[in-house]
Each structure stands twice: as C-alpha cells, then as structure tokens.
Amino acid sequence: MARRLPPLNALRAFEAAARHESFTRAGEELYVTQGAVSHQVKALEAELGLRLFNRKPRGLVITEAGGDYLLVVRDALDRIAAGTDRLLRRQNAGVLTVSTSPNFASKWLVHRLGRFAELHPSIDLRVSATLHHVDFAAEDVDIAVRHGDGTASGLHISRLYTEELVPVCSPDLLRGPHPLRQPRDLVHHTLLHLDHRQDWRKWLDAAGVTDADLSRGPVLNQASMGIDAAVDGQGVALARTGLAAWDLIAGRLVRPFSLALPVPYAYWIVCPKATATLPKIVTFRDWLLAEAADDIQRLAEIAA
C-alpha cells in the first residue's frame, strides 16, 4: 500500500516552529523566511485537515493534535538523522577492502600499513592479494591496485607508479673479491632471473656486456622472490623500482649501476566510477599517491 506522506520540508518547518514556538526563529534555523515557514505549516494543516498551532500575538501555541503529531514527526526526523549519520560515518570509515597482486602487497603495501592505520584509525583496511583482476560487480572489493597498461573500461583509474627495471643487490656485493664497479663485473656474480632470462639479456646488451653466462642463476616466478634473494646476498636481480623501493630506501639494496630499462606497464589505482568519490576511498587513494611520490623523491636523492 502506498504511503501517505506529507512533504519533508513541511514536516521540518512544523517541527522547528513547534520547538521555537515561532515561525521567525524557525525560519532562521532553516535559512528561509518567516513567511515560507508559515506557508509550509498552513499547507501541512490543510493536507491534514487539522489545526496544529493557535497563532497568538506573542507566539505560537501548539494544539493538542499538534502535540500528538509532533511526537511522531520528531521521532521520524530523529531516525532519519541518525540513519544518515550512520551512513556518512560508514562512507568515511569502516571496512575498506583492497585487492592487489601478491608482489605489490608483500614488497610495497604491507610495510606501510602501520603508517596508514596511525593516520586513519577509523578505516578498517582489508588486503586481498590475488593475481586475478577483481570484478567489482561480483566481489566485495572497494579499490584495487593493478599492474597494466591503464585501460579499464568503465572504471576510475589513477596512475600510481611508472617504473624502470634496474639491477639491485646487497651492499655487501659492492665489496669482496669481485666488487661491482662496472657492468662487466657481473660476470663474476650470480644473476637472479624472473620467469625467463631475456630481461638480463636486454640489460647486458644495453650495457655492452657480451660475455656473461646467462645460463647461470635461478629462474623465479615472482618478482618479490628475486628482490628477497638479492637482499640476502644471493645474487644480483633486475627489479622494478616500485617493488624494490622499500629495500632501496632502507639500504638493504643498492643500485650498483645507473643504467635502467623502461617498463611498458605501470601501477594503477582502480575503483568503480560510482564510488570513486566516497571519502574513505579518496582517503586511501590520496595516501597511496603520497606514498608513491615520497618514494620517487627519496629514490632520486639516493641516486644523486
């Protein structure tokens, strides 16, 4: 059955006028004229067929019917206000589920979660590390960070990181019997490969090194494994600057050579357009961008 509901503005005018016992003061609260409040109340009385106020020279006196109706209206308005407040708090705070790749989660994101929690304690962050690209329509995920070409039909995207591929190693490898001083010194060290051996081939060709034995060194299927192995001093890895940033800034890794190869893809922040302006999503996106900008600045200072 259809609800019989008076206009919300008329109910607000009635409640404010009853509270202040004045059309004038109610108008000041609602940012409308005294006449507008009086008109809304008269229209409400006409629709109900009841007098809600007795107009007196010194103000309003609510009628018995008006007093009974005021209890109902005030309760309804209080419930609407409370529900609205809860909804807005949920948009600003509450659970925020983030989907990203295992590599990005383990080498970039998890190290920084404490900083985010300290800045935004009202947001309950949940991180889901997975290789598949999230289906926002079917999965309970708010925002994602993905490595790709930046094409995401129907989604809001922001570039997070443009990377380069650079050699990285433990500082210990800069010393010892075969210190790394020039690219050719790599022939004395284990090369850590990712998926295949072609990236090292490209980098060595660009560096003019033709006699390195690319058959040596383990082949790993996760970039995080290569970075961790390099931190442990097990060899020299070709790493994406974004994933290696945390260890480079902390001094666990160094770049022995400045030569870098471009990476065709970048990291992107992705979410549905319909939710892109929700406060908690804006907060997390802005924090990601600030962290990435800080990385880029600090990596530049290290390289200088």
Protein backbone atom coordinates (compact mmCIF):
# COMPACT_ATOMS: atom_id res chain seq x y z
CA MET A 1 0.00 0.00 0.00
CA ALA A 2 1.32 3.42 -0.93
CA ARG A 3 2.42 5.59 2.00
CA ARG A 4 0.61 8.84 2.63
CA LEU A 5 3.49 11.17 3.47
CA PRO A 6 3.40 14.97 3.70
CA PRO A 7 6.31 16.86 2.10
CA LEU A 8 9.51 16.62 4.13
CA ASN A 9 10.05 20.39 4.05
CA ALA A 10 6.62 20.94 5.62
CA LEU A 11 7.39 18.46 8.40
CA ARG A 12 10.74 20.15 9.09
CA ALA A 13 9.03 23.56 9.20
CA PHE A 14 6.38 22.25 11.61
CA GLU A 15 8.93 20.63 13.94
CA ALA A 16 11.17 23.70 14.03
CA ALA A 17 8.23 26.06 14.60
CA ALA A 18 6.95 23.87 17.45
CA ARG A 19 10.39 23.76 19.07
CA HIS A 20 10.93 27.52 18.85
CA GLU A 21 7.24 28.46 19.25
CA SER A 22 7.94 30.97 16.49
CA PHE A 23 7.80 31.00 12.69
CA THR A 24 10.52 33.65 12.64
CA ARG A 25 13.06 31.68 14.69
CA ALA A 26 12.21 28.51 12.77
CA GLY A 27 12.93 30.36 9.53
CA GLU A 28 16.31 31.49 10.88
CA GLU A 29 17.21 27.89 11.70
CA LEU A 30 16.10 26.59 8.30
CA TYR A 31 17.58 29.56 6.35
CA VAL A 32 14.19 30.58 4.91
CA THR A 33 11.85 33.47 5.59
CA GLN A 34 9.21 33.59 8.29
CA GLY A 35 6.61 33.67 5.55
CA ALA A 36 7.98 30.50 3.97
CA VAL A 37 7.71 28.61 7.27
CA SER A 38 4.17 29.90 7.85
CA HIS A 39 3.18 28.84 4.33
CA GLN A 40 4.64 25.33 4.80
CA VAL A 41 2.77 24.87 8.11
CA LYS A 42 -0.50 26.13 6.65
CA ALA A 43 -0.14 23.73 3.71
CA LEU A 44 0.50 20.87 6.16
CA GLU A 45 -2.58 21.82 8.21
CA ALA A 46 -4.65 21.93 5.05
CA GLU A 47 -3.46 18.48 3.97
CA LEU A 48 -4.14 17.00 7.42
CA GLY A 49 -7.40 18.88 7.94
CA LEU A 50 -6.22 19.83 11.44
CA ARG A 51 -5.02 22.98 13.16
CA LEU A 52 -1.52 22.38 14.51
CA PHE A 53 -0.96 25.78 16.12
CA ASN A 54 -3.01 28.53 17.65
CA ARG A 55 -1.48 31.80 16.46
CA LYS A 56 -1.15 34.26 19.36
CA PRO A 57 0.27 37.81 19.35
CA ARG A 58 3.26 36.68 21.43
CA GLY A 59 3.95 33.43 19.55
CA LEU A 60 2.63 30.03 18.70
CA VAL A 61 0.74 27.68 20.98
CA ILE A 62 0.68 24.09 19.76
CA THR A 63 -2.71 22.40 19.78
CA GLU A 64 -3.43 19.03 21.34
CA ALA A 65 -3.49 17.44 17.88
CA GLY A 66 -0.31 19.26 17.00
CA GLY A 67 1.40 17.97 20.16
CA ASP A 68 0.46 14.40 19.35
CA TYR A 69 1.68 14.77 15.76
CA LEU A 70 4.90 16.46 16.92
CA LEU A 71 5.92 13.32 18.82
CA VAL A 72 5.57 11.26 15.64
CA VAL A 73 7.30 13.79 13.38
CA ARG A 74 10.19 14.41 15.79
CA ASP A 75 10.80 10.67 16.20
CA ALA A 76 10.77 10.16 12.42
CA LEU A 77 13.16 13.08 11.82
CA ASP A 78 15.48 11.84 14.57
CA ARG A 79 15.55 8.39 12.97
CA ILE A 80 16.31 9.84 9.54
CA ALA A 81 19.09 11.99 11.01
CA ALA A 82 20.60 9.03 12.89
CA GLY A 83 20.44 6.80 9.81
CA THR A 84 22.04 9.49 7.67
CA ASP A 85 24.81 9.96 10.23
CA ARG A 86 25.50 6.22 10.30
CA LEU A 87 25.61 6.10 6.51
CA LEU A 88 28.05 9.03 6.30
CA ARG A 89 30.26 7.53 9.00
CA ARG A 90 30.33 4.27 7.06
CA GLN A 91 31.43 6.15 3.93
CA ASN A 92 34.18 7.94 5.84
CA ALA A 93 35.21 4.97 7.93
CA GLY A 94 34.56 1.27 8.40
CA VAL A 95 35.90 -1.59 6.32
CA LEU A 96 37.87 -0.83 3.14
CA THR A 97 38.83 -3.89 1.10
CA VAL A 98 41.80 -3.56 -1.22
CA SER A 99 42.73 -6.05 -3.93
CA THR A 100 46.25 -6.16 -5.33
CA SER A 101 48.88 -8.57 -6.59
CA PRO A 102 50.94 -10.68 -4.16
CA ASN A 103 54.12 -8.92 -5.30
CA PHE A 104 52.78 -5.43 -4.68
CA ALA A 105 51.21 -6.46 -1.40
CA SER A 106 54.35 -8.07 0.01
CA LYS A 107 57.03 -5.68 -1.31
CA TRP A 108 55.23 -2.33 -1.27
CA LEU A 109 51.97 -2.21 0.66
CA VAL A 110 52.27 -4.27 3.85
CA HIS A 111 55.34 -2.38 5.10
CA ARG A 112 53.34 0.86 5.12
CA LEU A 113 50.07 -0.31 6.69
CA GLY A 114 51.10 0.87 10.13
CA ARG A 115 51.53 4.40 8.84
CA PHE A 116 48.07 4.34 7.26
CA ALA A 117 46.47 2.97 10.42
CA GLU A 118 48.10 5.71 12.50
CA LEU A 119 46.80 8.43 10.18
CA HIS A 120 43.34 6.92 9.65
CA PRO A 121 42.37 4.74 12.64
CA SER A 122 38.66 4.79 11.72
CA ILE A 123 39.29 2.85 8.47
CA ASP A 124 39.49 -0.93 8.86
CA LEU A 125 41.74 -1.93 5.97
CA ARG A 126 41.46 -5.43 4.49
CA VAL A 127 44.06 -6.51 1.90
CA SER A 128 43.35 -9.31 -0.57
CA ALA A 129 46.42 -10.45 -2.52
CA THR A 130 45.46 -12.20 -5.74
CA LEU A 131 46.63 -12.49 -9.32
CA HIS A 132 43.19 -12.23 -10.89
CA HIS A 133 41.71 -8.84 -11.74
CA VAL A 134 38.81 -8.02 -9.48
CA ASP A 135 35.20 -7.94 -10.68
CA PHE A 136 33.81 -5.06 -8.65
CA ALA A 137 30.24 -6.01 -9.54
CA ALA A 138 30.60 -9.52 -8.18
CA GLU A 139 33.20 -9.23 -5.40
CA ASP A 140 33.21 -7.39 -2.09
CA VAL A 141 36.17 -5.17 -3.01
CA ASP A 142 36.28 -1.37 -2.81
CA ILE A 143 39.52 -0.50 -4.61
CA ALA A 144 42.38 -2.27 -6.39
CA VAL A 145 46.00 -1.64 -7.35
CA ARG A 146 46.99 -3.34 -10.58
CA HIS A 147 49.95 -3.50 -12.94
CA GLY A 148 48.91 -2.90 -16.52
CA ASP A 149 48.50 -0.52 -19.42
CA GLY A 150 45.94 1.75 -17.77
CA THR A 151 42.94 0.60 -19.78
CA ALA A 152 40.00 -0.21 -17.52
CA SER A 153 36.65 0.24 -19.22
CA GLY A 154 34.01 1.86 -17.06
CA LEU A 155 36.32 2.28 -14.07
CA HIS A 156 38.01 5.24 -12.39
CA ILE A 157 41.79 4.91 -12.71
CA SER A 158 44.75 6.88 -11.34
CA ARG A 159 48.40 6.26 -12.20
CA LEU A 160 50.33 5.28 -9.08
CA TYR A 161 53.80 4.31 -10.30
CA THR A 162 55.75 4.44 -13.52
CA GLU A 163 58.69 2.09 -13.10
CA GLU A 164 62.07 1.19 -14.51
CA LEU A 165 63.93 -2.11 -14.49
CA VAL A 166 67.26 -1.77 -12.65
CA PRO A 167 69.95 -4.08 -11.23
CA VAL A 168 69.81 -4.33 -7.44
CA CYS A 169 71.96 -6.20 -4.95
CA SER A 170 73.06 -6.34 -1.34
CA PRO A 171 75.58 -3.63 -0.36
CA ASP A 172 77.93 -6.50 0.52
CA LEU A 173 78.39 -7.28 -3.19
CA LEU A 174 79.97 -3.86 -3.73
CA ARG A 175 82.90 -5.19 -1.74
CA GLY A 176 84.67 -8.53 -1.57
CA PRO A 177 86.89 -10.35 -4.08
CA HIS A 178 84.81 -9.23 -7.10
CA PRO A 179 83.34 -5.81 -6.25
CA LEU A 180 80.69 -4.43 -8.59
CA ARG A 181 82.21 -1.30 -10.08
CA GLN A 182 81.21 -1.62 -13.74
CA PRO A 183 78.65 -3.77 -15.62
CA ARG A 184 81.27 -6.27 -16.79
CA ASP A 185 81.88 -7.23 -13.17
CA LEU A 186 78.53 -9.03 -13.29
CA VAL A 187 80.24 -11.97 -15.00
CA HIS A 188 81.61 -12.90 -11.55
CA HIS A 189 78.21 -12.87 -9.85
CA THR A 190 75.01 -14.92 -9.83
CA LEU A 191 72.22 -13.35 -11.84
CA LEU A 192 68.71 -13.78 -10.46
CA HIS A 193 66.17 -14.23 -13.27
CA LEU A 194 62.41 -13.62 -13.33
CA ASP A 195 60.28 -16.03 -15.44
CA HIS A 196 62.91 -16.17 -18.17
CA ARG A 197 66.42 -14.93 -18.89
CA GLN A 198 65.56 -12.32 -21.53
CA ASP A 199 65.43 -9.24 -19.27
CA TRP A 200 69.03 -9.70 -18.24
CA ARG A 201 69.96 -10.25 -21.87
CA LYS A 202 68.40 -6.91 -22.81
CA TRP A 203 70.06 -5.06 -19.95
CA LEU A 204 73.50 -6.57 -20.61
CA ASP A 205 73.22 -5.77 -24.32
CA ALA A 206 72.40 -2.16 -23.44
CA ALA A 207 75.40 -2.09 -21.09
CA GLY A 208 77.72 -3.54 -23.74
CA VAL A 209 78.41 -6.78 -21.85
CA THR A 210 78.55 -9.69 -24.28
CA ASP A 211 80.32 -12.47 -22.39
CA ALA A 212 78.03 -13.03 -19.40
CA ASP A 213 76.83 -16.58 -18.90
CA LEU A 214 73.04 -16.23 -18.81
CA SER A 215 72.56 -19.94 -18.14
CA ARG A 216 73.67 -19.38 -14.54
CA GLY A 217 71.39 -18.33 -11.74
CA PRO A 218 67.92 -19.43 -10.62
CA VAL A 219 64.75 -18.54 -12.52
CA LEU A 220 62.00 -17.35 -10.18
CA ASN A 221 58.33 -16.79 -10.97
CA GLN A 222 57.64 -13.95 -8.52
CA ALA A 223 59.38 -10.57 -8.52
CA SER A 224 59.27 -10.48 -4.71
CA MET A 225 61.35 -13.67 -4.58
CA GLY A 226 64.09 -12.12 -6.70
CA ILE A 227 64.19 -8.99 -4.55
CA ASP A 228 64.33 -11.00 -1.32
CA ALA A 229 67.10 -13.19 -2.72
CA ALA A 230 69.07 -10.08 -3.65
CA VAL A 231 68.62 -8.67 -0.13
CA ASP A 232 70.04 -11.94 1.22
CA GLY A 233 73.13 -11.52 -0.97
CA GLN A 234 72.34 -14.50 -3.19
CA GLY A 235 72.95 -12.59 -6.40
CA VAL A 236 72.00 -9.55 -8.48
CA ALA A 237 68.36 -9.11 -9.52
CA LEU A 238 66.73 -6.98 -12.17
CA ALA A 239 63.93 -5.36 -10.22
CA ARG A 240 61.13 -2.90 -10.89
CA THR A 241 61.86 0.29 -9.00
CA GLY A 242 58.43 0.41 -7.38
CA LEU A 243 58.72 -3.05 -5.86
CA ALA A 244 62.35 -2.52 -4.78
CA ALA A 245 61.75 0.98 -3.37
CA TRP A 246 61.25 -0.06 0.26
CA ASP A 247 64.52 -2.04 0.36
CA LEU A 248 66.46 0.59 -1.61
CA ILE A 249 65.34 3.39 0.71
CA ALA A 250 66.17 1.28 3.78
CA GLY A 251 69.64 0.48 2.41
CA ARG A 252 69.08 -3.27 2.23
CA LEU A 253 69.54 -2.99 -1.53
CA VAL A 254 71.68 -0.73 -3.68
CA ARG A 255 71.76 0.06 -7.37
CA PRO A 256 75.32 -0.76 -8.48
CA PHE A 257 74.74 0.83 -11.91
CA SER A 258 72.56 3.66 -13.14
CA LEU A 259 71.52 2.05 -16.45
CA ALA A 260 67.76 1.33 -16.42
CA LEU A 261 65.34 -0.27 -18.85
CA PRO A 262 61.82 1.15 -19.33
CA VAL A 263 58.89 -0.94 -18.13
CA PRO A 264 55.92 -0.91 -20.55
CA TYR A 265 53.34 -1.12 -17.77
CA ALA A 266 52.62 0.93 -14.66
CA TYR A 267 50.76 0.52 -11.38
CA TRP A 268 47.23 1.93 -11.39
CA ILE A 269 44.66 2.58 -8.67
CA VAL A 270 41.30 1.28 -9.87
CA CYS A 271 37.76 1.52 -8.50
CA PRO A 272 34.21 1.86 -9.83
CA LYS A 273 33.34 5.37 -11.01
CA ALA A 274 30.22 5.35 -8.86
CA THR A 275 32.27 5.04 -5.65
CA ALA A 276 35.38 6.98 -6.65
CA THR A 277 34.43 10.00 -4.54
CA LEU A 278 33.47 8.14 -1.36
CA PRO A 279 35.53 9.71 1.45
CA LYS A 280 37.25 6.52 2.59
CA ILE A 281 38.23 5.64 -1.00
CA VAL A 282 39.51 9.16 -1.65
CA THR A 283 41.47 8.97 1.62
CA PHE A 284 43.14 5.69 0.68
CA ARG A 285 43.85 6.77 -2.91
CA ASP A 286 45.40 10.05 -1.76
CA TRP A 287 47.53 8.18 0.76
CA LEU A 288 48.78 5.75 -1.90
CA LEU A 289 49.70 8.63 -4.21
CA ALA A 290 51.50 10.47 -1.40
CA GLU A 291 53.50 7.35 -0.50
CA ALA A 292 54.49 6.80 -4.14
CA ALA A 293 55.53 10.45 -4.56
CA ASP A 294 57.66 10.18 -1.41
CA ASP A 295 59.32 7.03 -2.79
CA ILE A 296 60.16 8.73 -6.06
CA GLN A 297 61.72 11.70 -4.28
CA ARG A 298 63.77 9.56 -1.91
CA LEU A 299 64.96 7.24 -4.68
CA ALA A 300 66.09 10.29 -6.65
CA GLU A 301 68.05 11.51 -3.63
CA ILE A 302 69.74 8.12 -3.29
CA ALA A 303 70.67 8.07 -6.98
CA ALA A 304 72.06 11.64 -6.91
